[in-house]
Amino acid sequence: DMSDGTTTLMTYSINGNSQDYITGLGHANDIALMSNGGNYYMYVV
């Protein structure tokens, strides 16, 4: 949160289960954000 610095570990939802990590992002060197039709996305290189 940019207003107060509160930081939350996000949850990955896969096949109806939840976990605190994701595989398949490789080096995950950068992120682009986008909103579309009220939905929010991250694109990760």
ModelCIF file with pLDDT and N, C-alpha, C, O atoms, coordinates in Angstrom:
data_MODEL
#
_entry.id   MODEL 
#
_entity.id                         1 
_entity.type                       polymer 
_entity.pdbx_number_of_molecules   1 
#
_entity_poly.entity_id                      1 
_entity_poly.type                           'polypeptide(L)' 
_entity_poly.nstd_linkage                   no 
_entity_poly.nstd_monomer                   no 
_entity_poly.pdbx_seq_one_letter_code       DMSDGTTTLMTYSINGNSQDYITGLGHANDIALMSNGGNYYMYVV 
_entity_poly.pdbx_seq_one_letter_code_can   DMSDGTTTLMTYSINGNSQDYITGLGHANDIALMSNGGNYYMYVV 
_entity_poly.pdbx_strand_id                 A 
#
loop_
_entity_poly_seq.entity_id 
_entity_poly_seq.num 
_entity_poly_seq.mon_id 
_entity_poly_seq.hetero 
1 1  ASP n 
1 2  MET n 
1 3  SER n 
1 4  ASP n 
1 5  GLY n 
1 6  THR n 
1 7  THR n 
1 8  THR n 
1 9  LEU n 
1 10 MET n 
1 11 THR n 
1 12 TYR n 
1 13 SER n 
1 14 ILE n 
1 15 ASN n 
1 16 GLY n 
1 17 ASN n 
1 18 SER n 
1 19 GLN n 
1 20 ASP n 
1 21 TYR n 
1 22 ILE n 
1 23 THR n 
1 24 GLY n 
1 25 LEU n 
1 26 GLY n 
1 27 HIS n 
1 28 ALA n 
1 29 ASN n 
1 30 ASP n 
1 31 ILE n 
1 32 ALA n 
1 33 LEU n 
1 34 MET n 
1 35 SER n 
1 36 ASN n 
1 37 GLY n 
1 38 GLY n 
1 39 ASN n 
1 40 TYR n 
1 41 TYR n 
1 42 MET n 
1 43 TYR n 
1 44 VAL n 
1 45 VAL n 
#
_struct_asym.id          A 
_struct_asym.entity_id   1 
#
loop_
_ma_qa_metric.id 
_ma_qa_metric.mode 
_ma_qa_metric.name 
_ma_qa_metric.software_group_id 
_ma_qa_metric.type 
1 global pLDDT . pLDDT 
2 local  pLDDT . pLDDT 
#
_ma_qa_metric_global.metric_id      1 
_ma_qa_metric_global.metric_value   96.58 
_ma_qa_metric_global.model_id       1 
_ma_qa_metric_global.ordinal_id     1 
#
loop_
_ma_qa_metric_local.label_asym_id 
_ma_qa_metric_local.label_comp_id 
_ma_qa_metric_local.label_seq_id 
_ma_qa_metric_local.metric_id 
_ma_qa_metric_local.metric_value 
_ma_qa_metric_local.model_id 
_ma_qa_metric_local.ordinal_id 
A ASP 1  2 98.00 1 1  
A MET 2  2 98.00 1 2  
A SER 3  2 97.00 1 3  
A ASP 4  2 97.00 1 4  
A GLY 5  2 98.00 1 5  
A THR 6  2 98.00 1 6  
A THR 7  2 97.00 1 7  
A THR 8  2 97.00 1 8  
A LEU 9  2 96.00 1 9  
A MET 10 2 97.00 1 10 
A THR 11 2 98.00 1 11 
A TYR 12 2 98.00 1 12 
A SER 13 2 97.00 1 13 
A ILE 14 2 95.00 1 14 
A ASN 15 2 92.00 1 15 
A GLY 16 2 90.00 1 16 
A ASN 17 2 95.00 1 17 
A SER 18 2 97.00 1 18 
A GLN 19 2 96.00 1 19 
A ASP 20 2 95.00 1 20 
A TYR 21 2 96.00 1 21 
A ILE 22 2 97.00 1 22 
A THR 23 2 96.00 1 23 
A GLY 24 2 96.00 1 24 
A LEU 25 2 97.00 1 25 
A GLY 26 2 96.00 1 26 
A HIS 27 2 95.00 1 27 
A ALA 28 2 97.00 1 28 
A ASN 29 2 97.00 1 29 
A ASP 30 2 98.00 1 30 
A ILE 31 2 98.00 1 31 
A ALA 32 2 98.00 1 32 
A LEU 33 2 98.00 1 33 
A MET 34 2 98.00 1 34 
A SER 35 2 96.00 1 35 
A ASN 36 2 95.00 1 36 
A GLY 37 2 92.00 1 37 
A GLY 38 2 95.00 1 38 
A ASN 39 2 97.00 1 39 
A TYR 40 2 98.00 1 40 
A TYR 41 2 98.00 1 41 
A MET 42 2 98.00 1 42 
A TYR 43 2 98.00 1 43 
A VAL 44 2 98.00 1 44 
A VAL 45 2 98.00 1 45 
#
loop_
_atom_site.group_PDB 
_atom_site.id 
_atom_site.type_symbol 
_atom_site.label_atom_id 
_atom_site.label_alt_id 
_atom_site.label_comp_id 
_atom_site.label_asym_id 
_atom_site.label_entity_id 
_atom_site.label_seq_id 
_atom_site.pdbx_PDB_ins_code 
_atom_site.Cartn_x 
_atom_site.Cartn_y 
_atom_site.Cartn_z 
_atom_site.occupancy 
_atom_site.B_iso_or_equiv 
_atom_site.pdbx_formal_charge 
_atom_site.auth_seq_id 
_atom_site.auth_comp_id 
_atom_site.auth_asym_id 
_atom_site.auth_atom_id 
_atom_site.pdbx_PDB_model_num 
ATOM 1   N N  . ASP A 1 1  ? 0.858   -1.185  0.000   1.00 98.00 ? 1  ASP A N  1 
ATOM 2   C CA . ASP A 1 1  ? 0.000   0.000   0.000   1.00 98.00 ? 1  ASP A CA 1 
ATOM 3   C C  . ASP A 1 1  ? 0.895   1.236   0.000   1.00 98.00 ? 1  ASP A C  1 
ATOM 4   O O  . ASP A 1 1  ? 1.692   1.420   0.920   1.00 98.00 ? 1  ASP A O  1 
ATOM 5   N N  . MET A 1 2  ? 0.775   2.079   -1.014  1.00 98.00 ? 2  MET A N  1 
ATOM 6   C CA . MET A 1 2  ? 1.650   3.234   -1.125  1.00 98.00 ? 2  MET A CA 1 
ATOM 7   C C  . MET A 1 2  ? 1.360   4.299   -0.069  1.00 98.00 ? 2  MET A C  1 
ATOM 8   O O  . MET A 1 2  ? 2.204   5.158   0.187   1.00 98.00 ? 2  MET A O  1 
ATOM 9   N N  . SER A 1 3  ? 0.183   4.253   0.543   1.00 97.00 ? 3  SER A N  1 
ATOM 10  C CA . SER A 1 3  ? -0.159  5.278   1.527   1.00 97.00 ? 3  SER A CA 1 
ATOM 11  C C  . SER A 1 3  ? 0.492   5.054   2.880   1.00 97.00 ? 3  SER A C  1 
ATOM 12  O O  . SER A 1 3  ? 0.774   6.010   3.602   1.00 97.00 ? 3  SER A O  1 
ATOM 13  N N  . ASP A 1 4  ? 0.736   3.769   3.235   1.00 97.00 ? 4  ASP A N  1 
ATOM 14  C CA . ASP A 1 4  ? 1.283   3.511   4.572   1.00 97.00 ? 4  ASP A CA 1 
ATOM 15  C C  . ASP A 1 4  ? 2.345   2.410   4.609   1.00 97.00 ? 4  ASP A C  1 
ATOM 16  O O  . ASP A 1 4  ? 2.877   2.102   5.675   1.00 97.00 ? 4  ASP A O  1 
ATOM 17  N N  . GLY A 1 5  ? 2.656   1.817   3.458   1.00 98.00 ? 5  GLY A N  1 
ATOM 18  C CA . GLY A 1 5  ? 3.689   0.788   3.408   1.00 98.00 ? 5  GLY A CA 1 
ATOM 19  C C  . GLY A 1 5  ? 3.256   -0.596  3.817   1.00 98.00 ? 5  GLY A C  1 
ATOM 20  O O  . GLY A 1 5  ? 4.076   -1.514  3.839   1.00 98.00 ? 5  GLY A O  1 
ATOM 21  N N  . THR A 1 6  ? 1.975   -0.777  4.147   1.00 98.00 ? 6  THR A N  1 
ATOM 22  C CA . THR A 1 6  ? 1.496   -2.114  4.518   1.00 98.00 ? 6  THR A CA 1 
ATOM 23  C C  . THR A 1 6  ? 1.703   -3.085  3.362   1.00 98.00 ? 6  THR A C  1 
ATOM 24  O O  . THR A 1 6  ? 1.258   -2.831  2.242   1.00 98.00 ? 6  THR A O  1 
ATOM 25  N N  . THR A 1 7  ? 2.377   -4.195  3.636   1.00 97.00 ? 7  THR A N  1 
ATOM 26  C CA . THR A 1 7  ? 2.732   -5.153  2.589   1.00 97.00 ? 7  THR A CA 1 
ATOM 27  C C  . THR A 1 7  ? 2.081   -6.499  2.866   1.00 97.00 ? 7  THR A C  1 
ATOM 28  O O  . THR A 1 7  ? 2.112   -7.003  3.988   1.00 97.00 ? 7  THR A O  1 
ATOM 29  N N  . THR A 1 8  ? 1.492   -7.070  1.822   1.00 97.00 ? 8  THR A N  1 
ATOM 30  C CA . THR A 1 8  ? 0.769   -8.330  1.936   1.00 97.00 ? 8  THR A CA 1 
ATOM 31  C C  . THR A 1 8  ? 1.329   -9.340  0.939   1.00 97.00 ? 8  THR A C  1 
ATOM 32  O O  . THR A 1 8  ? 1.518   -9.020  -0.234  1.00 97.00 ? 8  THR A O  1 
ATOM 33  N N  . LEU A 1 9  ? 1.592   -10.546 1.402   1.00 96.00 ? 9  LEU A N  1 
ATOM 34  C CA . LEU A 1 9  ? 1.974   -11.636 0.521   1.00 96.00 ? 9  LEU A CA 1 
ATOM 35  C C  . LEU A 1 9  ? 0.725   -12.119 -0.203  1.00 96.00 ? 9  LEU A C  1 
ATOM 36  O O  . LEU A 1 9  ? -0.221  -12.581 0.436   1.00 96.00 ? 9  LEU A O  1 
ATOM 37  N N  . MET A 1 10 ? 0.710   -12.017 -1.528  1.00 97.00 ? 10 MET A N  1 
ATOM 38  C CA . MET A 1 10 ? -0.457  -12.387 -2.304  1.00 97.00 ? 10 MET A CA 1 
ATOM 39  C C  . MET A 1 10 ? -0.578  -13.903 -2.427  1.00 97.00 ? 10 MET A C  1 
ATOM 40  O O  . MET A 1 10 ? 0.394   -14.634 -2.232  1.00 97.00 ? 10 MET A O  1 
ATOM 41  N N  . THR A 1 11 ? -1.773  -14.359 -2.750  1.00 98.00 ? 11 THR A N  1 
ATOM 42  C CA . THR A 1 11 ? -2.089  -15.784 -2.809  1.00 98.00 ? 11 THR A CA 1 
ATOM 43  C C  . THR A 1 11 ? -2.339  -16.214 -4.245  1.00 98.00 ? 11 THR A C  1 
ATOM 44  O O  . THR A 1 11 ? -3.083  -15.565 -4.980  1.00 98.00 ? 11 THR A O  1 
ATOM 45  N N  . TYR A 1 12 ? -1.714  -17.306 -4.630  1.00 98.00 ? 12 TYR A N  1 
ATOM 46  C CA . TYR A 1 12 ? -1.897  -17.875 -5.965  1.00 98.00 ? 12 TYR A CA 1 
ATOM 47  C C  . TYR A 1 12 ? -2.994  -18.928 -5.901  1.00 98.00 ? 12 TYR A C  1 
ATOM 48  O O  . TYR A 1 12 ? -2.919  -19.861 -5.102  1.00 98.00 ? 12 TYR A O  1 
ATOM 49  N N  . SER A 1 13 ? -4.012  -18.778 -6.744  1.00 97.00 ? 13 SER A N  1 
ATOM 50  C CA . SER A 1 13 ? -5.118  -19.730 -6.812  1.00 97.00 ? 13 SER A CA 1 
ATOM 51  C C  . SER A 1 13 ? -4.944  -20.603 -8.042  1.00 97.00 ? 13 SER A C  1 
ATOM 52  O O  . SER A 1 13 ? -4.884  -20.102 -9.165  1.00 97.00 ? 13 SER A O  1 
ATOM 53  N N  . ILE A 1 14 ? -4.863  -21.929 -7.825  1.00 95.00 ? 14 ILE A N  1 
ATOM 54  C CA . ILE A 1 14 ? -4.653  -22.866 -8.926  1.00 95.00 ? 14 ILE A CA 1 
ATOM 55  C C  . ILE A 1 14 ? -5.476  -24.126 -8.698  1.00 95.00 ? 14 ILE A C  1 
ATOM 56  O O  . ILE A 1 14 ? -5.354  -24.787 -7.667  1.00 95.00 ? 14 ILE A O  1 
ATOM 57  N N  . ASN A 1 15 ? -6.320  -24.448 -9.680  1.00 92.00 ? 15 ASN A N  1 
ATOM 58  C CA . ASN A 1 15 ? -7.149  -25.663 -9.623  1.00 92.00 ? 15 ASN A CA 1 
ATOM 59  C C  . ASN A 1 15 ? -7.950  -25.745 -8.327  1.00 92.00 ? 15 ASN A C  1 
ATOM 60  O O  . ASN A 1 15 ? -8.090  -26.817 -7.738  1.00 92.00 ? 15 ASN A O  1 
ATOM 61  N N  . GLY A 1 16 ? -8.469  -24.611 -7.895  1.00 90.00 ? 16 GLY A N  1 
ATOM 62  C CA . GLY A 1 16 ? -9.296  -24.586 -6.698  1.00 90.00 ? 16 GLY A CA 1 
ATOM 63  C C  . GLY A 1 16 ? -8.524  -24.573 -5.400  1.00 90.00 ? 16 GLY A C  1 
ATOM 64  O O  . GLY A 1 16 ? -9.127  -24.519 -4.328  1.00 90.00 ? 16 GLY A O  1 
ATOM 65  N N  . ASN A 1 17 ? -7.199  -24.621 -5.468  1.00 95.00 ? 17 ASN A N  1 
ATOM 66  C CA . ASN A 1 17 ? -6.363  -24.585 -4.273  1.00 95.00 ? 17 ASN A CA 1 
ATOM 67  C C  . ASN A 1 17 ? -5.618  -23.252 -4.182  1.00 95.00 ? 17 ASN A C  1 
ATOM 68  O O  . ASN A 1 17 ? -5.469  -22.542 -5.177  1.00 95.00 ? 17 ASN A O  1 
ATOM 69  N N  . SER A 1 18 ? -5.160  -22.929 -2.992  1.00 97.00 ? 18 SER A N  1 
ATOM 70  C CA . SER A 1 18 ? -4.437  -21.693 -2.776  1.00 97.00 ? 18 SER A CA 1 
ATOM 71  C C  . SER A 1 18 ? -3.056  -21.976 -2.204  1.00 97.00 ? 18 SER A C  1 
ATOM 72  O O  . SER A 1 18 ? -2.888  -22.867 -1.370  1.00 97.00 ? 18 SER A O  1 
ATOM 73  N N  . GLN A 1 19 ? -2.069  -21.212 -2.659  1.00 96.00 ? 19 GLN A N  1 
ATOM 74  C CA . GLN A 1 19 ? -0.720  -21.338 -2.120  1.00 96.00 ? 19 GLN A CA 1 
ATOM 75  C C  . GLN A 1 19 ? -0.041  -19.980 -2.209  1.00 96.00 ? 19 GLN A C  1 
ATOM 76  O O  . GLN A 1 19 ? -0.518  -19.083 -2.903  1.00 96.00 ? 19 GLN A O  1 
ATOM 77  N N  . ASP A 1 20 ? 1.078   -19.834 -1.500  1.00 95.00 ? 20 ASP A N  1 
ATOM 78  C CA . ASP A 1 20 ? 1.715   -18.514 -1.449  1.00 95.00 ? 20 ASP A CA 1 
ATOM 79  C C  . ASP A 1 20 ? 2.797   -18.331 -2.502  1.00 95.00 ? 20 ASP A C  1 
ATOM 80  O O  . ASP A 1 20 ? 3.511   -17.329 -2.466  1.00 95.00 ? 20 ASP A O  1 
ATOM 81  N N  . TYR A 1 21 ? 2.945   -19.268 -3.444  1.00 96.00 ? 21 TYR A N  1 
ATOM 82  C CA . TYR A 1 21 ? 3.959   -19.129 -4.477  1.00 96.00 ? 21 TYR A CA 1 
ATOM 83  C C  . TYR A 1 21 ? 3.419   -19.613 -5.821  1.00 96.00 ? 21 TYR A C  1 
ATOM 84  O O  . TYR A 1 21 ? 2.404   -20.307 -5.891  1.00 96.00 ? 21 TYR A O  1 
ATOM 85  N N  . ILE A 1 22 ? 4.127   -19.227 -6.887  1.00 97.00 ? 22 ILE A N  1 
ATOM 86  C CA . ILE A 1 22 ? 3.792   -19.664 -8.231  1.00 97.00 ? 22 ILE A CA 1 
ATOM 87  C C  . ILE A 1 22 ? 5.076   -20.114 -8.918  1.00 97.00 ? 22 ILE A C  1 
ATOM 88  O O  . ILE A 1 22 ? 6.144   -19.554 -8.673  1.00 97.00 ? 22 ILE A O  1 
ATOM 89  N N  . THR A 1 23 ? 4.974   -21.111 -9.768  1.00 96.00 ? 23 THR A N  1 
ATOM 90  C CA . THR A 1 23 ? 6.107   -21.525 -10.596 1.00 96.00 ? 23 THR A CA 1 
ATOM 91  C C  . THR A 1 23 ? 5.843   -21.075 -12.030 1.00 96.00 ? 23 THR A C  1 
ATOM 92  O O  . THR A 1 23 ? 4.713   -20.736 -12.382 1.00 96.00 ? 23 THR A O  1 
ATOM 93  N N  . GLY A 1 24 ? 6.884   -21.073 -12.851 1.00 96.00 ? 24 GLY A N  1 
ATOM 94  C CA . GLY A 1 24 ? 6.706   -20.747 -14.254 1.00 96.00 ? 24 GLY A CA 1 
ATOM 95  C C  . GLY A 1 24 ? 6.956   -19.294 -14.619 1.00 96.00 ? 24 GLY A C  1 
ATOM 96  O O  . GLY A 1 24 ? 6.756   -18.911 -15.772 1.00 96.00 ? 24 GLY A O  1 
ATOM 97  N N  . LEU A 1 25 ? 7.393   -18.463 -13.654 1.00 97.00 ? 25 LEU A N  1 
ATOM 98  C CA . LEU A 1 25 ? 7.676   -17.063 -13.963 1.00 97.00 ? 25 LEU A CA 1 
ATOM 99  C C  . LEU A 1 25 ? 9.138   -16.828 -14.297 1.00 97.00 ? 25 LEU A C  1 
ATOM 100 O O  . LEU A 1 25 ? 9.539   -15.700 -14.585 1.00 97.00 ? 25 LEU A O  1 
ATOM 101 N N  . GLY A 1 26 ? 9.940   -17.891 -14.259 1.00 96.00 ? 26 GLY A N  1 
ATOM 102 C CA . GLY A 1 26 ? 11.352  -17.758 -14.606 1.00 96.00 ? 26 GLY A CA 1 
ATOM 103 C C  . GLY A 1 26 ? 12.057  -16.739 -13.741 1.00 96.00 ? 26 GLY A C  1 
ATOM 104 O O  . GLY A 1 26 ? 11.926  -16.755 -12.517 1.00 96.00 ? 26 GLY A O  1 
ATOM 105 N N  . HIS A 1 27 ? 12.814  -15.843 -14.380 1.00 95.00 ? 27 HIS A N  1 
ATOM 106 C CA . HIS A 1 27 ? 13.550  -14.814 -13.643 1.00 95.00 ? 27 HIS A CA 1 
ATOM 107 C C  . HIS A 1 27 ? 12.634  -13.678 -13.188 1.00 95.00 ? 27 HIS A C  1 
ATOM 108 O O  . HIS A 1 27 ? 13.009  -12.889 -12.320 1.00 95.00 ? 27 HIS A O  1 
ATOM 109 N N  . ALA A 1 28 ? 11.431  -13.590 -13.771 1.00 97.00 ? 28 ALA A N  1 
ATOM 110 C CA . ALA A 1 28 ? 10.427  -12.591 -13.357 1.00 97.00 ? 28 ALA A CA 1 
ATOM 111 C C  . ALA A 1 28 ? 11.039  -11.196 -13.253 1.00 97.00 ? 28 ALA A C  1 
ATOM 112 O O  . ALA A 1 28 ? 10.886  -10.518 -12.236 1.00 97.00 ? 28 ALA A O  1 
ATOM 113 N N  . ASN A 1 29 ? 11.725  -10.777 -14.299 1.00 97.00 ? 29 ASN A N  1 
ATOM 114 C CA . ASN A 1 29 ? 12.568  -9.591  -14.213 1.00 97.00 ? 29 ASN A CA 1 
ATOM 115 C C  . ASN A 1 29 ? 11.809  -8.274  -14.232 1.00 97.00 ? 29 ASN A C  1 
ATOM 116 O O  . ASN A 1 29 ? 12.333  -7.259  -13.773 1.00 97.00 ? 29 ASN A O  1 
ATOM 117 N N  . ASP A 1 30 ? 10.581  -8.267  -14.753 1.00 98.00 ? 30 ASP A N  1 
ATOM 118 C CA . ASP A 1 30 ? 9.821   -7.012  -14.808 1.00 98.00 ? 30 ASP A CA 1 
ATOM 119 C C  . ASP A 1 30 ? 8.338   -7.322  -14.933 1.00 98.00 ? 30 ASP A C  1 
ATOM 120 O O  . ASP A 1 30 ? 7.946   -8.424  -15.318 1.00 98.00 ? 30 ASP A O  1 
ATOM 121 N N  . ILE A 1 31 ? 7.516   -6.319  -14.598 1.00 98.00 ? 31 ILE A N  1 
ATOM 122 C CA . ILE A 1 31 ? 6.061   -6.465  -14.598 1.00 98.00 ? 31 ILE A CA 1 
ATOM 123 C C  . ILE A 1 31 ? 5.439   -5.277  -15.307 1.00 98.00 ? 31 ILE A C  1 
ATOM 124 O O  . ILE A 1 31 ? 5.888   -4.145  -15.132 1.00 98.00 ? 31 ILE A O  1 
ATOM 125 N N  . ALA A 1 32 ? 4.405   -5.525  -16.108 1.00 98.00 ? 32 ALA A N  1 
ATOM 126 C CA . ALA A 1 32 ? 3.560   -4.470  -16.662 1.00 98.00 ? 32 ALA A CA 1 
ATOM 127 C C  . ALA A 1 32 ? 2.145   -4.682  -16.137 1.00 98.00 ? 32 ALA A C  1 
ATOM 128 O O  . ALA A 1 32 ? 1.642   -5.805  -16.147 1.00 98.00 ? 32 ALA A O  1 
ATOM 129 N N  . LEU A 1 33 ? 1.504   -3.620  -15.684 1.00 98.00 ? 33 LEU A N  1 
ATOM 130 C CA . LEU A 1 33 ? 0.139   -3.684  -15.173 1.00 98.00 ? 33 LEU A CA 1 
ATOM 131 C C  . LEU A 1 33 ? -0.841  -3.194  -16.231 1.00 98.00 ? 33 LEU A C  1 
ATOM 132 O O  . LEU A 1 33 ? -0.524  -2.314  -17.032 1.00 98.00 ? 33 LEU A O  1 
ATOM 133 N N  . MET A 1 34 ? -2.043  -3.782  -16.221 1.00 98.00 ? 34 MET A N  1 
ATOM 134 C CA . MET A 1 34 ? -3.085  -3.342  -17.144 1.00 98.00 ? 34 MET A CA 1 
ATOM 135 C C  . MET A 1 34 ? -4.453  -3.605  -16.531 1.00 98.00 ? 34 MET A C  1 
ATOM 136 O O  . MET A 1 34 ? -4.658  -4.621  -15.867 1.00 98.00 ? 34 MET A O  1 
ATOM 137 N N  . SER A 1 35 ? -5.392  -2.681  -16.756 1.00 96.00 ? 35 SER A N  1 
ATOM 138 C CA . SER A 1 35 ? -6.791  -2.919  -16.408 1.00 96.00 ? 35 SER A CA 1 
ATOM 139 C C  . SER A 1 35 ? -7.591  -2.987  -17.701 1.00 96.00 ? 35 SER A C  1 
ATOM 140 O O  . SER A 1 35 ? -7.287  -2.292  -18.670 1.00 96.00 ? 35 SER A O  1 
ATOM 141 N N  . ASN A 1 36 ? -8.614  -3.829  -17.703 1.00 95.00 ? 36 ASN A N  1 
ATOM 142 C CA . ASN A 1 36 ? -9.439  -3.988  -18.891 1.00 95.00 ? 36 ASN A CA 1 
ATOM 143 C C  . ASN A 1 36 ? -10.816 -4.485  -18.482 1.00 95.00 ? 36 ASN A C  1 
ATOM 144 O O  . ASN A 1 36 ? -10.946 -5.574  -17.922 1.00 95.00 ? 36 ASN A O  1 
ATOM 145 N N  . GLY A 1 37 ? -11.831 -3.702  -18.757 1.00 92.00 ? 37 GLY A N  1 
ATOM 146 C CA . GLY A 1 37 ? -13.199 -4.104  -18.448 1.00 92.00 ? 37 GLY A CA 1 
ATOM 147 C C  . GLY A 1 37 ? -13.434 -4.362  -16.983 1.00 92.00 ? 37 GLY A C  1 
ATOM 148 O O  . GLY A 1 37 ? -14.228 -5.235  -16.632 1.00 92.00 ? 37 GLY A O  1 
ATOM 149 N N  . GLY A 1 38 ? -12.763 -3.623  -16.113 1.00 95.00 ? 38 GLY A N  1 
ATOM 150 C CA . GLY A 1 38 ? -12.924 -3.812  -14.682 1.00 95.00 ? 38 GLY A CA 1 
ATOM 151 C C  . GLY A 1 38 ? -12.076 -4.920  -14.097 1.00 95.00 ? 38 GLY A C  1 
ATOM 152 O O  . GLY A 1 38 ? -12.142 -5.183  -12.896 1.00 95.00 ? 38 GLY A O  1 
ATOM 153 N N  . ASN A 1 39 ? -11.277 -5.577  -14.928 1.00 97.00 ? 39 ASN A N  1 
ATOM 154 C CA . ASN A 1 39 ? -10.373 -6.624  -14.465 1.00 97.00 ? 39 ASN A CA 1 
ATOM 155 C C  . ASN A 1 39 ? -8.933  -6.111  -14.464 1.00 97.00 ? 39 ASN A C  1 
ATOM 156 O O  . ASN A 1 39 ? -8.588  -5.194  -15.210 1.00 97.00 ? 39 ASN A O  1 
ATOM 157 N N  . TYR A 1 40 ? -8.098  -6.717  -13.614 1.00 98.00 ? 40 TYR A N  1 
ATOM 158 C CA . TYR A 1 40 ? -6.726  -6.241  -13.428 1.00 98.00 ? 40 TYR A CA 1 
ATOM 159 C C  . TYR A 1 40 ? -5.726  -7.363  -13.717 1.00 98.00 ? 40 TYR A C  1 
ATOM 160 O O  . TYR A 1 40 ? -5.917  -8.511  -13.317 1.00 98.00 ? 40 TYR A O  1 
ATOM 161 N N  . TYR A 1 41 ? -4.654  -6.993  -14.426 1.00 98.00 ? 41 TYR A N  1 
ATOM 162 C CA . TYR A 1 41 ? -3.708  -7.990  -14.887 1.00 98.00 ? 41 TYR A CA 1 
ATOM 163 C C  . TYR A 1 41 ? -2.261  -7.542  -14.660 1.00 98.00 ? 41 TYR A C  1 
ATOM 164 O O  . TYR A 1 41 ? -1.954  -6.350  -14.635 1.00 98.00 ? 41 TYR A O  1 
ATOM 165 N N  . MET A 1 42 ? -1.382  -8.542  -14.494 1.00 98.00 ? 42 MET A N  1 
ATOM 166 C CA . MET A 1 42 ? 0.056   -8.350  -14.520 1.00 98.00 ? 42 MET A CA 1 
ATOM 167 C C  . MET A 1 42 ? 0.616   -9.169  -15.674 1.00 98.00 ? 42 MET A C  1 
ATOM 168 O O  . MET A 1 42 ? 0.229   -10.320 -15.876 1.00 98.00 ? 42 MET A O  1 
ATOM 169 N N  . TYR A 1 43 ? 1.534   -8.564  -16.433 1.00 98.00 ? 43 TYR A N  1 
ATOM 170 C CA . TYR A 1 43 ? 2.285   -9.293  -17.444 1.00 98.00 ? 43 TYR A CA 1 
ATOM 171 C C  . TYR A 1 43 ? 3.726   -9.361  -16.953 1.00 98.00 ? 43 TYR A C  1 
ATOM 172 O O  . TYR A 1 43 ? 4.330   -8.329  -16.661 1.00 98.00 ? 43 TYR A O  1 
ATOM 173 N N  . VAL A 1 44 ? 4.279   -10.559 -16.860 1.00 98.00 ? 44 VAL A N  1 
ATOM 174 C CA . VAL A 1 44 ? 5.608   -10.776 -16.285 1.00 98.00 ? 44 VAL A CA 1 
ATOM 175 C C  . VAL A 1 44 ? 6.534   -11.344 -17.354 1.00 98.00 ? 44 VAL A C  1 
ATOM 176 O O  . VAL A 1 44 ? 6.214   -12.352 -17.984 1.00 98.00 ? 44 VAL A O  1 
ATOM 177 N N  . VAL A 1 45 ? 7.701   -10.690 -17.563 1.00 98.00 ? 45 VAL A N  1 
ATOM 178 C CA . VAL A 1 45 ? 8.697   -11.255 -18.479 1.00 98.00 ? 45 VAL A CA 1 
ATOM 179 C C  . VAL A 1 45 ? 9.554   -12.257 -17.717 1.00 98.00 ? 45 VAL A C  1 
ATOM 180 O O  . VAL A 1 45 ? 10.460  -12.858 -18.294 1.00 98.00 ? 45 VAL A O  1 
#
